[in-house]
Protein backbone atom coordinates (compact mmCIF):
# COMPACT_ATOMS: atom_id res chain seq x y z
CA MET A 1 -15.15 30.10 -9.16
CA ASP A 2 -12.01 32.26 -8.98
CA ARG A 3 -9.84 33.16 -5.99
CA GLN A 4 -11.94 36.18 -5.10
CA ASP A 5 -15.09 34.05 -5.05
CA ILE A 6 -13.36 31.50 -2.82
CA ALA A 7 -12.21 34.26 -0.46
CA ASN A 8 -15.70 35.79 -0.32
CA THR A 9 -17.32 32.40 0.27
CA THR A 10 -14.82 31.70 3.06
CA ILE A 11 -15.71 34.99 4.77
CA VAL A 12 -19.42 34.15 4.52
CA ILE A 13 -18.83 30.70 5.99
CA LEU A 14 -16.80 32.07 8.92
CA LEU A 15 -19.35 34.80 9.61
CA LEU A 16 -22.31 32.43 9.59
CA ALA A 17 -20.44 29.81 11.62
CA PHE A 18 -19.82 32.46 14.28
CA ALA A 19 -23.47 33.55 14.18
CA PHE A 20 -24.91 30.04 14.42
CA SER A 21 -22.49 29.05 17.20
CA TYR A 22 -23.27 32.15 19.29
CA LYS A 23 -26.01 30.25 21.14
CA PHE A 24 -25.02 26.81 22.40
CA GLU A 25 -25.82 24.25 25.08
CA GLY A 26 -23.81 23.95 28.28
CA ALA A 27 -21.74 26.32 30.39
CA PHE A 28 -20.32 29.43 28.76
CA THR A 29 -16.66 28.50 28.51
CA PHE A 30 -14.16 28.98 25.71
CA SER A 31 -13.71 25.22 25.22
CA ASN A 32 -17.48 24.68 24.92
CA TRP A 33 -17.80 27.54 22.46
CA ALA A 34 -14.75 26.43 20.46
CA SER A 35 -16.05 22.87 20.07
CA THR A 36 -19.48 24.20 19.06
CA PHE A 37 -17.89 26.61 16.60
CA LEU A 38 -15.82 23.90 14.91
CA VAL A 39 -18.81 21.60 14.41
CA THR A 40 -20.95 24.52 13.23
CA LEU A 41 -18.17 25.66 10.88
CA MET A 42 -18.14 22.24 9.21
CA LEU A 43 -21.93 22.17 8.84
CA VAL A 44 -22.11 25.74 7.52
CA ALA A 45 -19.27 25.06 5.07
CA VAL A 46 -21.05 22.02 3.63
CA SER A 47 -24.32 23.96 3.42
CA ILE A 48 -22.87 27.04 1.70
CA ILE A 49 -20.70 25.01 -0.69
CA LEU A 50 -23.67 22.91 -1.84
CA HIS A 51 -25.85 26.04 -2.05
CA THR A 52 -23.26 27.80 -4.20
CA PHE A 53 -22.44 24.71 -6.28
CA ALA A 54 -26.09 24.33 -7.29
CA GLN A 55 -26.19 27.97 -8.42
CA ILE A 56 -22.93 27.61 -10.37
CA LYS A 57 -24.15 24.50 -12.22
CA THR A 58 -27.46 26.20 -13.05
CA ALA A 59 -25.61 29.32 -14.22
CA ASP A 60 -23.40 27.13 -16.46
CA TYR A 61 -26.54 25.60 -17.99
CA TYR A 62 -27.84 29.06 -18.87
CA LEU A 63 -24.41 30.31 -20.02
CA THR A 64 -24.25 32.86 -17.24
CA ASP A 65 -21.21 34.11 -15.37
CA ILE A 66 -21.71 34.07 -11.58
CA HIS A 67 -19.68 35.66 -8.78
CA THR A 68 -20.31 36.02 -5.06
CA GLN A 69 -19.46 39.09 -3.03
CA VAL A 70 -19.81 39.91 0.66
CA PHE A 71 -21.67 43.15 1.30
CA ALA A 72 -21.30 45.19 4.47
CA ALA A 73 -24.99 45.86 5.14
CA GLY A 74 -25.83 42.17 5.02
CA ALA A 75 -22.91 41.18 7.25
CA LEU A 76 -23.83 43.90 9.73
CA THR A 77 -27.44 42.72 9.73
CA THR A 78 -26.25 39.19 10.48
CA LEU A 79 -24.33 40.40 13.53
CA ILE A 80 -27.11 42.74 14.71
CA THR A 81 -29.83 40.09 14.53
CA MET A 82 -27.52 37.64 16.28
CA PHE A 83 -26.70 39.97 19.19
CA LEU A 84 -30.19 41.42 19.65
CA SER A 85 -31.83 37.97 19.70
CA ALA A 86 -28.99 36.24 21.60
CA GLY A 87 -28.48 33.91 18.65
CA THR A 88 -32.16 33.00 18.24
CA ILE A 89 -32.77 35.01 15.04
CA ILE A 90 -30.10 35.28 12.36
CA TYR A 91 -30.09 36.89 8.92
CA ALA A 92 -28.09 34.28 7.03
CA SER A 93 -27.62 35.67 3.53
CA PRO A 94 -24.83 38.27 3.83
CA TRP A 95 -23.65 38.04 0.24
CA THR A 96 -24.65 39.20 -3.20
CA LEU A 97 -24.75 37.48 -6.57
CA LYS A 98 -23.28 39.09 -9.66
CA LEU A 99 -24.84 37.47 -12.71
CA LYS A 100 -23.87 38.30 -16.28
CA SER A 101 -24.84 36.65 -19.54
CA LEU A 102 -22.03 35.00 -21.49
CA PHE A 103 -23.99 35.18 -24.74
CA SER A 104 -22.35 37.12 -27.53
CA THR A 105 -24.44 40.00 -28.80
CA ALA A 106 -23.81 38.59 -32.27
CA LEU A 107 -26.09 35.68 -31.39
CA GLY A 108 -28.95 38.04 -30.80
CA LYS A 109 -30.14 39.75 -27.66
CA LYS A 110 -33.31 37.63 -27.53
CA LEU A 111 -31.22 34.54 -26.77
CA ALA A 112 -29.46 36.08 -23.79
CA PRO A 113 -30.81 35.10 -20.35
CA GLY A 114 -32.86 37.80 -18.69
CA PRO A 115 -34.14 38.51 -15.18
CA GLN A 116 -36.33 35.38 -15.10
CA VAL A 117 -33.35 33.14 -15.80
CA PHE A 118 -31.31 34.98 -13.16
CA ALA A 119 -34.21 34.37 -10.76
CA LYS A 120 -34.07 30.63 -11.47
CA ILE A 121 -30.31 30.58 -10.88
CA ALA A 122 -30.70 32.38 -7.56
CA LEU A 123 -33.64 30.19 -6.50
CA THR A 124 -31.64 27.01 -7.13
CA GLY A 125 -29.46 27.75 -4.12
CA THR A 126 -32.48 28.40 -1.91
CA LEU A 127 -34.14 25.12 -2.89
CA THR A 128 -30.86 23.27 -2.36
CA SER A 129 -30.72 24.59 1.21
CA LEU A 130 -34.30 23.47 1.79
CA PHE A 131 -33.57 19.99 0.40
CA ILE A 132 -30.53 19.71 2.68
CA ALA A 133 -32.78 20.59 5.63
CA ILE A 134 -35.27 17.90 4.60
CA GLY A 135 -32.51 15.32 4.26
CA ALA A 136 -31.02 16.31 7.63
CA LYS A 137 -34.47 15.93 9.21
CA LEU A 138 -34.46 12.28 8.16
CA LEU A 139 -31.06 11.80 9.81
CA ILE A 140 -32.02 13.19 13.23
CA PRO A 141 -32.67 9.68 14.70
CA PHE A 142 -29.10 8.73 13.73
CA LEU A 143 -27.09 11.95 14.14
CA GLY A 144 -29.10 13.73 16.83
CA LEU A 145 -28.00 17.29 17.60
CA ILE A 146 -25.72 17.50 14.55
CA ALA A 147 -28.62 16.80 12.19
CA GLU A 148 -30.89 19.19 14.13
CA THR A 149 -28.29 21.93 13.76
CA LEU A 150 -27.96 21.21 10.04
CA VAL A 151 -31.74 21.51 9.67
CA LYS A 152 -31.76 24.88 11.44
CA ILE A 153 -28.80 26.26 9.49
CA ASN A 154 -30.25 25.44 6.09
CA ILE A 155 -33.78 26.58 6.90
CA VAL A 156 -32.47 29.95 8.08
CA ILE A 157 -30.25 30.25 4.99
CA ALA A 158 -33.15 29.33 2.70
CA ILE A 159 -35.57 31.83 4.24
CA SER A 160 -32.96 34.60 4.52
CA SER A 161 -31.93 34.19 0.88
CA LEU A 162 -35.48 35.01 -0.25
CA ILE A 163 -35.52 38.41 1.44
CA PRO A 164 -35.08 41.15 -1.20
CA PHE A 165 -32.62 42.96 1.06
CA LEU A 166 -31.53 45.72 -1.31
CA THR A 167 -35.16 46.47 -2.09
CA ILE A 168 -36.55 46.49 1.44
CA ILE A 169 -33.81 48.59 3.10
CA PRO A 170 -33.85 51.55 0.65
CA TYR A 171 -37.66 51.55 0.68
CA ALA A 172 -37.76 51.50 4.50
CA LEU A 173 -35.31 54.40 4.70
CA THR A 174 -36.61 56.61 1.89
CA TRP A 175 -40.15 55.34 1.24
CA GLU A 176 -39.26 55.34 -2.44
CA LYS A 177 -39.37 52.20 -4.54
CA PRO A 178 -35.89 51.53 -5.99
CA ALA A 179 -35.47 50.92 -9.68
CA ALA A 180 -35.29 47.24 -10.58
CA GLY A 181 -32.00 47.61 -12.39
CA LYS A 182 -30.30 49.12 -9.35
CA ALA A 183 -31.29 46.49 -6.81
CA GLN A 184 -30.78 43.08 -8.42
CA HIS A 185 -27.87 41.87 -6.33
CA THR A 186 -28.95 39.66 -3.41
CA ILE A 187 -30.54 36.29 -4.07
CA GLY A 188 -33.89 37.64 -2.91
CA ASP A 189 -33.64 40.70 -5.17
CA HIS A 190 -32.84 38.57 -8.21
CA ILE A 191 -35.91 36.42 -7.58
CA PHE A 192 -38.15 39.37 -6.67
CA PHE A 193 -37.29 41.39 -9.77
CA GLY A 194 -37.01 38.34 -12.03
CA SER A 195 -40.50 37.06 -11.25
CA LYS A 196 -42.58 38.49 -8.41
CA PRO A 197 -45.16 35.65 -8.54
CA MET A 198 -42.31 33.12 -8.34
CA TRP A 199 -40.91 35.04 -5.37
CA ALA A 200 -44.30 35.09 -3.61
CA PHE A 201 -44.74 31.33 -4.12
CA SER A 202 -41.16 30.57 -3.07
CA ILE A 203 -41.07 32.63 0.11
CA ALA A 204 -44.45 31.24 1.20
CA PHE A 205 -43.43 27.63 0.53
CA VAL A 206 -39.90 27.81 1.96
CA SER A 207 -41.00 29.74 5.06
CA ALA A 208 -43.97 27.47 5.79
CA ALA A 209 -41.97 24.30 5.10
CA GLY A 210 -38.97 25.50 7.09
CA ILE A 211 -40.94 26.56 10.16
CA GLY A 212 -42.98 23.36 9.92
CA LEU A 213 -39.85 21.20 9.84
CA LEU A 214 -38.52 22.99 12.92
CA LEU A 215 -41.72 22.59 14.92
CA TYR A 216 -43.07 19.22 13.80
CA ASP A 217 -41.71 15.75 13.02
CA SER A 218 -44.28 14.97 10.32
CA PHE A 219 -43.42 15.55 6.67
CA TYR A 220 -47.06 16.39 6.03
CA VAL A 221 -45.93 19.94 6.76
CA LEU A 222 -44.54 19.97 3.21
CA LEU A 223 -48.03 19.36 1.82
CA GLY A 224 -49.36 22.10 4.07
CA ALA A 225 -46.60 24.43 2.90
CA LEU A 226 -47.43 23.65 -0.73
CA PHE A 227 -51.10 24.44 -0.10
CA ILE A 228 -50.23 27.73 1.63
CA SER A 229 -47.82 28.75 -1.14
CA ILE A 230 -50.42 28.06 -3.86
CA ILE A 231 -52.94 30.24 -2.00
CA VAL A 232 -50.35 33.03 -1.64
CA TRP A 233 -49.37 32.70 -5.31
CA LEU A 234 -52.98 32.91 -6.50
CA ALA A 235 -53.66 35.86 -4.19
CA TRP A 236 -50.56 37.61 -5.54
CA LEU A 237 -51.63 37.05 -9.14
CA TYR A 238 -55.14 38.32 -8.40
CA HIS A 239 -54.47 41.31 -6.15
CA VAL A 240 -50.98 42.42 -7.24
CA GLU A 241 -50.52 41.29 -10.85
CA GLY A 242 -54.15 41.84 -11.80
CA PHE A 243 -54.66 38.40 -13.42
CA LYS A 244 -58.40 38.13 -12.84
CA PRO A 245 -60.60 35.44 -14.44
CA LYS A 246 -62.88 36.63 -17.20
CA PRO A 247 -66.63 36.27 -16.65
């Protein structure tokens, strides 16, 4: 991670800390907001650093160069969702991933990591955020509101990171499907273009597990989320990919 990556990550942390601290308990005073912001800043920093660290280590394993970059549309979406929902709904993935193979062409192009490997690298961060949320859920009896906030932050980051932002927005505006090579930048886009069945399974599991962890205290929600994601994955393979069993 170079200086530019550190600067971009810092901007993301500050932006998300502001978004997640927009809604807080107690009277609306500067001191109350400032104390909430500082605690949220610490929790967001830990969450984003672990999220990014997992992706960096996975990228190193696959000999892939990785860089993070803030993008204006994502940051603007974060602020818009925050203001319109009064801090209830937040788009929490306002950055892009630049992934590039470090393989020499002399080694052969077949050895170089492709879109599926990039999808795995991107997904590592999402799963890390979900695991942090699960761990924080276990700490709620001991840490109370701090652990609850950590659960919420990481669930929102995990779900947001699976949204193929640069695919959905152009399609919604032009009704034309963008080319895969021009939209693989956000975490969600990398996963979506790298392996659509993997994306379908992941977004179903992470969304169901995340919402379940927010609403219920039982960890059986993870089994329910796994069941839902398998159904979604099979339906995707059958109806979208065309993998139908032979008679």
